[in-house]
Every structure is written in structure tokens, then in C-alpha cells.
N, C-alpha and C. Protein backbone atom coordinates (compact mmCIF):
# COMPACT_ATOMS: atom_id res chain seq x y z
N MET A 1 0.82 -1.19 0.00
CA MET A 1 0.00 0.00 0.00
C MET A 1 0.87 1.26 0.00
N LYS A 2 1.88 1.20 0.86
CA LYS A 2 2.79 2.34 0.96
C LYS A 2 3.54 2.53 -0.36
N ALA A 3 3.90 1.45 -1.00
CA ALA A 3 4.63 1.51 -2.27
C ALA A 3 3.76 2.14 -3.36
N ARG A 4 2.47 1.83 -3.34
CA ARG A 4 1.55 2.42 -4.32
C ARG A 4 1.43 3.92 -4.12
N LEU A 5 1.36 4.36 -2.89
CA LEU A 5 1.27 5.79 -2.61
C LEU A 5 2.54 6.51 -3.06
N VAL A 6 3.68 5.91 -2.77
CA VAL A 6 4.95 6.51 -3.18
C VAL A 6 5.03 6.55 -4.70
N LEU A 7 4.60 5.49 -5.37
CA LEU A 7 4.61 5.43 -6.83
C LEU A 7 3.67 6.47 -7.43
N ALA A 8 2.48 6.60 -6.86
CA ALA A 8 1.53 7.61 -7.34
C ALA A 8 2.08 9.02 -7.13
N PHE A 9 2.71 9.23 -5.99
CA PHE A 9 3.32 10.53 -5.70
C PHE A 9 4.43 10.85 -6.70
N LEU A 10 5.30 9.88 -6.97
CA LEU A 10 6.40 10.08 -7.93
C LEU A 10 5.88 10.32 -9.34
N ILE A 11 4.86 9.59 -9.74
CA ILE A 11 4.27 9.80 -11.07
C ILE A 11 3.67 11.20 -11.16
N GLY A 12 3.03 11.64 -10.10
CA GLY A 12 2.47 13.00 -10.07
C GLY A 12 3.55 14.06 -10.20
N ILE A 13 4.65 13.89 -9.48
CA ILE A 13 5.76 14.86 -9.55
C ILE A 13 6.39 14.85 -10.94
N ILE A 14 6.65 13.67 -11.48
CA ILE A 14 7.25 13.57 -12.81
C ILE A 14 6.31 14.16 -13.86
N GLY A 15 5.03 13.91 -13.71
CA GLY A 15 4.04 14.49 -14.64
C GLY A 15 4.06 16.00 -14.59
N ASN A 16 4.19 16.57 -13.40
CA ASN A 16 4.25 18.02 -13.28
C ASN A 16 5.54 18.60 -13.83
N ILE A 17 6.62 17.86 -13.71
CA ILE A 17 7.90 18.34 -14.23
C ILE A 17 7.89 18.39 -15.75
N PHE A 18 7.37 17.34 -16.38
CA PHE A 18 7.44 17.24 -17.83
C PHE A 18 6.21 17.79 -18.55
N SER A 19 5.21 18.18 -17.85
CA SER A 19 4.05 18.77 -18.52
C SER A 19 3.82 20.18 -18.01
N GLN A 20 3.37 21.00 -18.90
CA GLN A 20 3.14 22.41 -18.58
C GLN A 20 1.64 22.60 -18.40
N ASP A 21 1.20 22.85 -17.20
CA ASP A 21 -0.22 23.11 -17.05
C ASP A 21 -0.48 24.45 -16.38
N THR A 22 0.49 25.31 -16.41
CA THR A 22 0.26 26.66 -15.91
C THR A 22 -0.18 27.53 -17.08
N ALA A 23 -0.69 28.66 -16.74
CA ALA A 23 -1.12 29.61 -17.76
C ALA A 23 0.07 30.41 -18.25
N GLY A 24 -0.03 30.89 -19.46
CA GLY A 24 1.02 31.72 -20.02
C GLY A 24 0.45 33.06 -20.45
N VAL A 25 1.32 34.04 -20.53
CA VAL A 25 0.91 35.36 -21.00
C VAL A 25 1.86 35.80 -22.11
N PHE A 26 1.37 36.73 -22.93
CA PHE A 26 2.22 37.34 -23.93
C PHE A 26 1.76 38.75 -24.20
N ASP A 27 2.68 39.59 -24.61
CA ASP A 27 2.39 40.99 -24.90
C ASP A 27 1.95 41.09 -26.35
N LEU A 28 0.67 41.32 -26.56
CA LEU A 28 0.10 41.34 -27.90
C LEU A 28 0.73 42.43 -28.77
N GLU A 29 0.95 43.60 -28.21
CA GLU A 29 1.50 44.70 -29.00
C GLU A 29 2.92 44.40 -29.47
N LEU A 30 3.74 43.81 -28.62
CA LEU A 30 5.10 43.44 -29.03
C LEU A 30 5.08 42.38 -30.12
N VAL A 31 4.18 41.43 -29.99
CA VAL A 31 4.07 40.38 -31.01
C VAL A 31 3.62 40.99 -32.33
N LYS A 32 2.64 41.89 -32.28
CA LYS A 32 2.16 42.55 -33.50
C LYS A 32 3.27 43.34 -34.18
N LEU A 33 4.01 44.09 -33.38
CA LEU A 33 5.08 44.92 -33.95
C LEU A 33 6.19 44.08 -34.56
N SER A 34 6.39 42.89 -34.06
CA SER A 34 7.48 42.05 -34.57
C SER A 34 7.10 41.30 -35.85
N MET A 35 5.84 41.30 -36.20
CA MET A 35 5.40 40.55 -37.38
C MET A 35 5.73 41.31 -38.66
N PRO A 36 6.23 40.62 -39.68
CA PRO A 36 6.51 41.27 -40.97
C PRO A 36 5.24 41.85 -41.60
N LEU A 37 4.11 41.18 -41.41
CA LEU A 37 2.85 41.67 -41.96
C LEU A 37 2.50 43.02 -41.36
N SER A 38 2.83 43.23 -40.10
CA SER A 38 2.56 44.51 -39.44
C SER A 38 3.36 45.63 -40.09
N GLU A 39 4.63 45.37 -40.39
CA GLU A 39 5.46 46.38 -41.04
C GLU A 39 4.94 46.68 -42.44
N GLN A 40 4.55 45.65 -43.18
CA GLN A 40 3.99 45.85 -44.52
C GLN A 40 2.69 46.64 -44.44
N SER A 41 1.88 46.35 -43.44
CA SER A 41 0.61 47.05 -43.27
C SER A 41 0.83 48.53 -43.03
N GLU A 42 1.76 48.83 -42.14
CA GLU A 42 2.05 50.24 -41.85
C GLU A 42 2.55 50.96 -43.09
N ARG A 43 3.40 50.28 -43.88
CA ARG A 43 3.91 50.90 -45.11
C ARG A 43 2.79 51.16 -46.09
N SER A 44 1.89 50.21 -46.27
CA SER A 44 0.80 50.40 -47.23
C SER A 44 -0.17 51.48 -46.76
N ILE A 45 -0.40 51.57 -45.47
CA ILE A 45 -1.27 52.63 -44.95
C ILE A 45 -0.62 53.99 -45.14
N LYS A 46 0.67 54.10 -44.88
CA LYS A 46 1.39 55.37 -45.07
C LYS A 46 1.37 55.78 -46.54
N GLU A 47 1.55 54.81 -47.45
CA GLU A 47 1.51 55.12 -48.88
C GLU A 47 0.13 55.63 -49.28
N LEU A 48 -0.91 55.00 -48.77
CA LEU A 48 -2.28 55.43 -49.07
C LEU A 48 -2.54 56.82 -48.50
N GLU A 49 -2.09 57.06 -47.28
CA GLU A 49 -2.25 58.40 -46.68
C GLU A 49 -1.53 59.45 -47.50
N THR A 50 -0.31 59.14 -47.96
CA THR A 50 0.45 60.08 -48.78
C THR A 50 -0.27 60.36 -50.09
N LYS A 51 -0.80 59.32 -50.70
CA LYS A 51 -1.54 59.48 -51.97
C LYS A 51 -2.74 60.41 -51.77
N TYR A 52 -3.51 60.15 -50.72
CA TYR A 52 -4.69 60.98 -50.46
C TYR A 52 -4.30 62.41 -50.07
N ASN A 53 -3.25 62.55 -49.30
CA ASN A 53 -2.80 63.90 -48.93
C ASN A 53 -2.35 64.70 -50.14
N ASP A 54 -1.65 64.05 -51.07
CA ASP A 54 -1.23 64.73 -52.29
C ASP A 54 -2.42 65.14 -53.14
N SER A 55 -3.40 64.26 -53.27
CA SER A 55 -4.61 64.59 -54.02
C SER A 55 -5.36 65.73 -53.35
N LEU A 56 -5.44 65.67 -52.04
CA LEU A 56 -6.14 66.71 -51.29
C LEU A 56 -5.42 68.04 -51.41
N ALA A 57 -4.10 68.02 -51.43
CA ALA A 57 -3.33 69.26 -51.58
C ALA A 57 -3.63 69.91 -52.92
N GLY A 58 -3.77 69.11 -53.99
CA GLY A 58 -4.13 69.66 -55.30
C GLY A 58 -5.51 70.30 -55.28
N LEU A 59 -6.46 69.65 -54.66
CA LEU A 59 -7.81 70.21 -54.56
C LEU A 59 -7.82 71.49 -53.73
N LEU A 60 -7.07 71.49 -52.64
CA LEU A 60 -6.99 72.69 -51.80
C LEU A 60 -6.36 73.85 -52.54
N GLU A 61 -5.36 73.56 -53.35
CA GLU A 61 -4.71 74.62 -54.12
C GLU A 61 -5.69 75.24 -55.11
N GLN A 62 -6.49 74.40 -55.77
CA GLN A 62 -7.52 74.92 -56.68
C GLN A 62 -8.50 75.82 -55.93
N PHE A 63 -8.91 75.36 -54.76
CA PHE A 63 -9.86 76.12 -53.96
C PHE A 63 -9.26 77.46 -53.54
N GLU A 64 -8.02 77.44 -53.07
CA GLU A 64 -7.36 78.67 -52.64
C GLU A 64 -7.17 79.64 -53.80
N ASN A 65 -6.84 79.13 -54.97
CA ASN A 65 -6.68 80.00 -56.13
C ASN A 65 -7.99 80.67 -56.50
N ARG A 66 -9.07 79.94 -56.45
CA ARG A 66 -10.37 80.52 -56.79
C ARG A 66 -10.79 81.55 -55.76
N VAL A 67 -10.48 81.30 -54.51
CA VAL A 67 -10.84 82.26 -53.45
C VAL A 67 -9.99 83.52 -53.55
N SER A 68 -8.70 83.37 -53.81
CA SER A 68 -7.81 84.54 -53.83
C SER A 68 -7.96 85.37 -55.09
N ASP A 69 -8.45 84.81 -56.18
CA ASP A 69 -8.63 85.57 -57.43
C ASP A 69 -9.85 86.47 -57.38
N ARG A 70 -10.82 86.16 -56.60
CA ARG A 70 -12.12 86.83 -56.67
C ARG A 70 -12.19 88.23 -56.05
N PRO A 71 -11.57 88.54 -54.95
CA PRO A 71 -11.86 89.81 -54.29
C PRO A 71 -11.41 91.06 -55.06
N HIS A 72 -10.54 90.90 -56.05
CA HIS A 72 -9.98 92.07 -56.71
C HIS A 72 -10.86 92.62 -57.82
N ILE A 73 -11.94 91.98 -58.11
CA ILE A 73 -12.77 92.39 -59.23
C ILE A 73 -14.16 92.75 -58.70
N ASP A 74 -14.79 93.76 -59.32
CA ASP A 74 -16.16 94.13 -58.95
C ASP A 74 -17.14 93.21 -59.66
N TYR A 75 -18.04 92.61 -58.90
CA TYR A 75 -19.01 91.69 -59.46
C TYR A 75 -20.41 92.16 -59.14
N THR A 76 -21.34 91.75 -59.98
CA THR A 76 -22.75 92.01 -59.71
C THR A 76 -23.21 91.00 -58.66
N PRO A 77 -24.33 91.26 -58.01
CA PRO A 77 -24.83 90.31 -57.02
C PRO A 77 -25.08 88.91 -57.60
N ALA A 78 -25.55 88.82 -58.83
CA ALA A 78 -25.79 87.51 -59.44
C ALA A 78 -24.47 86.77 -59.65
N GLU A 79 -23.44 87.48 -60.09
CA GLU A 79 -22.13 86.86 -60.29
C GLU A 79 -21.53 86.41 -58.95
N LEU A 80 -21.71 87.24 -57.93
CA LEU A 80 -21.21 86.86 -56.60
C LEU A 80 -21.89 85.59 -56.09
N ARG A 81 -23.20 85.49 -56.33
CA ARG A 81 -23.94 84.31 -55.92
C ARG A 81 -23.40 83.06 -56.63
N LYS A 82 -23.13 83.20 -57.93
CA LYS A 82 -22.58 82.07 -58.69
C LYS A 82 -21.21 81.66 -58.15
N ILE A 83 -20.40 82.67 -57.85
CA ILE A 83 -19.07 82.39 -57.31
C ILE A 83 -19.18 81.72 -55.95
N GLN A 84 -20.07 82.22 -55.10
CA GLN A 84 -20.26 81.62 -53.79
C GLN A 84 -20.76 80.18 -53.91
N ASP A 85 -21.69 79.95 -54.84
CA ASP A 85 -22.18 78.58 -55.05
C ASP A 85 -21.06 77.67 -55.54
N SER A 86 -20.24 78.19 -56.44
CA SER A 86 -19.12 77.41 -56.97
C SER A 86 -18.13 77.06 -55.86
N LEU A 87 -17.81 78.05 -55.04
CA LEU A 87 -16.88 77.82 -53.92
C LEU A 87 -17.49 76.85 -52.90
N SER A 88 -18.78 76.98 -52.69
CA SER A 88 -19.45 76.07 -51.76
C SER A 88 -19.41 74.64 -52.28
N ARG A 89 -19.62 74.46 -53.59
CA ARG A 89 -19.54 73.12 -54.18
C ARG A 89 -18.12 72.56 -54.07
N MET A 90 -17.13 73.42 -54.30
CA MET A 90 -15.74 72.97 -54.17
C MET A 90 -15.43 72.55 -52.73
N GLN A 91 -15.95 73.34 -51.78
CA GLN A 91 -15.72 73.01 -50.38
C GLN A 91 -16.41 71.68 -50.02
N ASP A 92 -17.62 71.48 -50.54
CA ASP A 92 -18.31 70.21 -50.31
C ASP A 92 -17.52 69.05 -50.92
N LYS A 93 -16.97 69.28 -52.11
CA LYS A 93 -16.16 68.26 -52.77
C LYS A 93 -14.93 67.91 -51.94
N LEU A 94 -14.28 68.94 -51.38
CA LEU A 94 -13.12 68.71 -50.52
C LEU A 94 -13.49 67.91 -49.28
N ASN A 95 -14.59 68.29 -48.64
CA ASN A 95 -15.03 67.59 -47.43
C ASN A 95 -15.40 66.14 -47.73
N LEU A 96 -16.08 65.92 -48.86
CA LEU A 96 -16.45 64.56 -49.24
C LEU A 96 -15.21 63.72 -49.54
N PHE A 97 -14.25 64.32 -50.24
CA PHE A 97 -13.01 63.61 -50.55
C PHE A 97 -12.29 63.23 -49.26
N ARG A 98 -12.18 64.17 -48.34
CA ARG A 98 -11.50 63.92 -47.06
C ARG A 98 -12.21 62.81 -46.29
N LYS A 99 -13.54 62.88 -46.25
CA LYS A 99 -14.32 61.87 -45.52
C LYS A 99 -14.13 60.49 -46.14
N ASN A 100 -14.20 60.39 -47.47
CA ASN A 100 -14.02 59.10 -48.15
C ASN A 100 -12.61 58.56 -47.95
N ALA A 101 -11.62 59.45 -48.01
CA ALA A 101 -10.23 59.02 -47.83
C ALA A 101 -10.02 58.46 -46.42
N LEU A 102 -10.54 59.16 -45.42
CA LEU A 102 -10.40 58.67 -44.04
C LEU A 102 -11.13 57.34 -43.85
N ALA A 103 -12.29 57.20 -44.49
CA ALA A 103 -13.04 55.94 -44.37
C ALA A 103 -12.28 54.79 -45.02
N LYS A 104 -11.67 55.04 -46.18
CA LYS A 104 -10.90 53.98 -46.86
C LYS A 104 -9.67 53.59 -46.05
N ILE A 105 -9.01 54.57 -45.48
CA ILE A 105 -7.83 54.28 -44.66
C ILE A 105 -8.24 53.49 -43.41
N ALA A 106 -9.34 53.89 -42.78
CA ALA A 106 -9.82 53.17 -41.59
C ALA A 106 -10.22 51.74 -41.94
N ALA A 107 -10.87 51.55 -43.10
CA ALA A 107 -11.26 50.20 -43.52
C ALA A 107 -10.03 49.34 -43.79
N LEU A 108 -9.03 49.91 -44.46
CA LEU A 108 -7.80 49.17 -44.73
C LEU A 108 -7.09 48.82 -43.42
N ARG A 109 -7.02 49.78 -42.51
CA ARG A 109 -6.37 49.54 -41.22
C ARG A 109 -7.09 48.41 -40.46
N GLN A 110 -8.41 48.45 -40.47
CA GLN A 110 -9.19 47.42 -39.76
C GLN A 110 -9.00 46.05 -40.41
N ASP A 111 -9.00 46.00 -41.74
CA ASP A 111 -8.81 44.73 -42.44
C ASP A 111 -7.43 44.15 -42.14
N LEU A 112 -6.41 44.98 -42.19
CA LEU A 112 -5.06 44.51 -41.90
C LEU A 112 -4.92 44.08 -40.45
N GLU A 113 -5.58 44.80 -39.56
CA GLU A 113 -5.55 44.44 -38.13
C GLU A 113 -6.20 43.07 -37.91
N GLN A 114 -7.30 42.81 -38.61
CA GLN A 114 -7.95 41.51 -38.50
C GLN A 114 -7.06 40.39 -39.02
N GLN A 115 -6.37 40.64 -40.13
CA GLN A 115 -5.46 39.63 -40.68
C GLN A 115 -4.33 39.33 -39.69
N ILE A 116 -3.78 40.38 -39.11
CA ILE A 116 -2.70 40.20 -38.14
C ILE A 116 -3.20 39.43 -36.92
N ASN A 117 -4.36 39.82 -36.40
CA ASN A 117 -4.91 39.13 -35.22
C ASN A 117 -5.21 37.66 -35.52
N LEU A 118 -5.69 37.37 -36.73
CA LEU A 118 -5.96 35.99 -37.11
C LEU A 118 -4.67 35.18 -37.15
N ARG A 119 -3.64 35.74 -37.73
CA ARG A 119 -2.35 35.03 -37.78
C ARG A 119 -1.77 34.82 -36.39
N ILE A 120 -1.92 35.82 -35.53
CA ILE A 120 -1.42 35.66 -34.16
C ILE A 120 -2.21 34.57 -33.44
N ALA A 121 -3.52 34.57 -33.62
CA ALA A 121 -4.35 33.55 -32.96
C ALA A 121 -3.95 32.15 -33.42
N GLU A 122 -3.72 31.98 -34.72
CA GLU A 122 -3.29 30.68 -35.23
C GLU A 122 -1.92 30.29 -34.66
N ALA A 123 -1.02 31.26 -34.60
CA ALA A 123 0.32 30.99 -34.07
C ALA A 123 0.26 30.64 -32.59
N VAL A 124 -0.57 31.35 -31.83
CA VAL A 124 -0.69 31.06 -30.39
C VAL A 124 -1.25 29.65 -30.19
N LYS A 125 -2.22 29.30 -31.01
CA LYS A 125 -2.80 27.95 -30.89
C LYS A 125 -1.74 26.88 -31.16
N SER A 126 -0.98 27.06 -32.22
CA SER A 126 0.09 26.10 -32.55
C SER A 126 1.16 26.08 -31.46
N PHE A 127 1.51 27.27 -30.98
CA PHE A 127 2.53 27.41 -29.94
C PHE A 127 2.09 26.68 -28.67
N CYS A 128 0.84 26.87 -28.28
CA CYS A 128 0.32 26.22 -27.07
C CYS A 128 0.32 24.70 -27.23
N LEU A 129 -0.05 24.22 -28.41
CA LEU A 129 -0.03 22.77 -28.63
C LEU A 129 1.39 22.22 -28.57
N GLN A 130 2.32 22.95 -29.16
CA GLN A 130 3.71 22.49 -29.17
C GLN A 130 4.32 22.51 -27.77
N LYS A 131 4.03 23.54 -26.99
CA LYS A 131 4.61 23.69 -25.66
C LYS A 131 3.75 23.06 -24.56
N ASN A 132 2.60 22.50 -24.94
CA ASN A 132 1.68 21.89 -23.99
C ASN A 132 1.21 22.89 -22.93
N ILE A 133 0.83 24.05 -23.39
CA ILE A 133 0.30 25.11 -22.52
C ILE A 133 -1.21 25.10 -22.65
N LYS A 134 -1.90 25.11 -21.52
CA LYS A 134 -3.36 25.02 -21.57
C LYS A 134 -4.03 26.35 -21.91
N THR A 135 -3.54 27.43 -21.35
CA THR A 135 -4.16 28.73 -21.61
C THR A 135 -3.11 29.81 -21.77
N MET A 136 -3.42 30.75 -22.67
CA MET A 136 -2.56 31.92 -22.89
C MET A 136 -3.45 33.15 -22.78
N PHE A 137 -2.94 34.15 -22.10
CA PHE A 137 -3.66 35.40 -21.93
C PHE A 137 -2.83 36.55 -22.47
N TYR A 138 -3.53 37.62 -22.83
CA TYR A 138 -2.82 38.86 -23.15
C TYR A 138 -2.29 39.42 -21.84
N LYS A 139 -1.07 39.85 -21.85
CA LYS A 139 -0.46 40.41 -20.64
C LYS A 139 -1.24 41.64 -20.16
N SER A 140 -1.76 42.42 -21.09
CA SER A 140 -2.47 43.65 -20.74
C SER A 140 -3.81 43.38 -20.07
N GLU A 141 -4.37 42.18 -20.25
CA GLU A 141 -5.67 41.87 -19.66
C GLU A 141 -5.59 41.42 -18.21
N LEU A 142 -4.42 41.01 -17.79
CA LEU A 142 -4.27 40.49 -16.43
C LEU A 142 -3.63 41.53 -15.52
N SER A 143 -4.23 41.71 -14.38
CA SER A 143 -3.59 42.59 -13.41
C SER A 143 -2.63 41.79 -12.52
N TYR A 144 -2.94 40.49 -12.37
CA TYR A 144 -2.07 39.63 -11.56
C TYR A 144 -2.29 38.18 -11.98
N CYS A 145 -1.23 37.44 -12.04
CA CYS A 145 -1.32 36.00 -12.31
C CYS A 145 -0.20 35.32 -11.54
N ASP A 146 -0.56 34.38 -10.69
CA ASP A 146 0.40 33.76 -9.78
C ASP A 146 1.40 32.85 -10.49
N ASN A 147 0.91 31.94 -11.30
CA ASN A 147 1.79 30.96 -11.94
C ASN A 147 1.91 31.18 -13.44
N CYS A 148 1.78 32.39 -13.89
CA CYS A 148 1.84 32.66 -15.33
C CYS A 148 3.27 32.94 -15.76
N LEU A 149 3.64 32.35 -16.87
CA LEU A 149 4.96 32.59 -17.44
C LEU A 149 4.81 33.48 -18.67
N ASP A 150 5.76 34.37 -18.87
CA ASP A 150 5.72 35.28 -20.02
C ASP A 150 6.38 34.59 -21.22
N TYR A 151 5.59 34.36 -22.25
CA TYR A 151 6.06 33.68 -23.45
C TYR A 151 6.20 34.63 -24.64
N THR A 152 6.28 35.91 -24.40
CA THR A 152 6.31 36.88 -25.50
C THR A 152 7.48 36.62 -26.45
N GLU A 153 8.67 36.55 -25.92
CA GLU A 153 9.86 36.37 -26.77
C GLU A 153 9.83 35.03 -27.50
N GLU A 154 9.44 33.98 -26.79
CA GLU A 154 9.37 32.66 -27.43
C GLU A 154 8.33 32.65 -28.54
N LEU A 155 7.21 33.32 -28.31
CA LEU A 155 6.15 33.38 -29.32
C LEU A 155 6.61 34.17 -30.55
N ILE A 156 7.33 35.25 -30.33
CA ILE A 156 7.87 36.04 -31.44
C ILE A 156 8.81 35.18 -32.28
N LEU A 157 9.70 34.46 -31.62
CA LEU A 157 10.63 33.57 -32.34
C LEU A 157 9.87 32.45 -33.06
N PHE A 158 8.84 31.93 -32.43
CA PHE A 158 8.03 30.87 -33.03
C PHE A 158 7.36 31.37 -34.31
N ILE A 159 6.81 32.59 -34.26
CA ILE A 159 6.15 33.16 -35.44
C ILE A 159 7.16 33.43 -36.55
N ARG A 160 8.32 33.94 -36.20
CA ARG A 160 9.36 34.22 -37.21
C ARG A 160 9.85 32.94 -37.88
N ASP A 161 9.98 31.87 -37.09
CA ASP A 161 10.48 30.61 -37.63
C ASP A 161 9.43 29.88 -38.46
N LYS A 162 8.19 30.19 -38.23
CA LYS A 162 7.10 29.49 -38.89
C LYS A 162 6.96 29.87 -40.33
């Protein structure tokens, strides 16, 4: 009987030594920043922002030229109304362009963020299976964890090697 208890105790200790059943944490932002897809995403967003800013600068220049040309000439009230309507349409066009550009950039950013999060989730799942980790948490979500190990660096290396 005593031998069985000692054997069960030893098996329990050996099982705990060779198996990982504690929770793990990782820093999501560091993992995101280390991914090549994240760098490509930032570059493509910056290129799109530059493209829209250049287009917007051209439209603004047209608007400024039309505004600055007008005050030096005497106009009839009907001509002034036409000019005001024209400037108002240009201003609406500028605002619409800006709104659409910001919406497209936000949609691209959200799409790329989803792709990155999906890849991280797949990598974490594979990492946990390989390391025999039962649960992984974002480091930012936990205020305290007693037996949690930080796997950020290992996860980054795992994603790079994959």
C-alpha cells in the first residue's frame, strides 16, 4: 500500500515536471510589432495616406486660387452668388473627398488588423499545442497571475520561424 502511494506521488511529480499546465501570458503589442505583416501594413497605410494627402493638396490649391482671385474684381450680385455657389460646391467636394479618404484608410487599417490578429491567434494555438500550454492570456488583460509565465519572446521567435 505504501509503495503504491509513493509510486503515485512520484508519477504525479514527474508528470508536473514534464508537462506544462500553468497559464502563459504574452504581450500582444510586441508580437504585432514584430510581425513582418505589421510592417507591410504600416507601409501600405502610409503610402495610401500620402496618396490621399497629395490629391487633397491639389484640390486645396484649386480652392485657394479661386478664393484669392475673386476679391480684386467688382461683381454684380448675381455673379457673386454664382461664385459663392461654386466655392461652396468645391468646399463640399473637398469635405467629401476627405471623408471618403479617411473611411478607406480606416477600412484598410481594420482589415489589416484583423489579418494580423488571425495570424497571431493561429500561431498562439500552434505554440500552445507544441509547448503543452493550456491557456494563454494577453499580458495587458491580467492585473495579476500567480503561476503565469511570459512567453512573448518565445512566441515572437516561433512566429518568425514558422
